[in-house]
């Protein structure tokens, strides 16, 4: 059994683990994955970038599992920078996931009970540019890592 700490921090995560034991599974926001997994957090029930660009979340976890902390740090920083660049889009709530998946080529439909207001053309363009930039930065990081080996 476990819990998602949607607004939690690493101190709270450690308190849960210490109190409930190592079998208790903790999930935290993706922006704390690197330090979190180093102190016993199991993963993230992510929103945002790891949903629309799952490659970034997968590569972050794989780097942590492999003990490649420099690579994990670089990926974590990419996620944080992407979050800063897309901050103006937070006003749209779940709409960002919907539009992000469409940008990635998935023909998703809006859930009828969760209507959200449409994004402006300017914000759609910003989001598309941010997703492309994140994917390009991740690809460049992967190319650099492959060349170093």
Foldseek 3Di string as FASTA:
>chain_A
DEDEPEPDDLVVVLVCCVVVHLVYAYAYELLCVLVNVVRRHDYHPYDDPCLLPVVLRVVLVVCVVVVVSVLNVVSSVLVVVLCVLLVVVCVFPCVLSVLSNVLVPDPDDDDVVDDTDDDDPVSSVSSNVSSVVSVVVVVVSVVVVVVVD
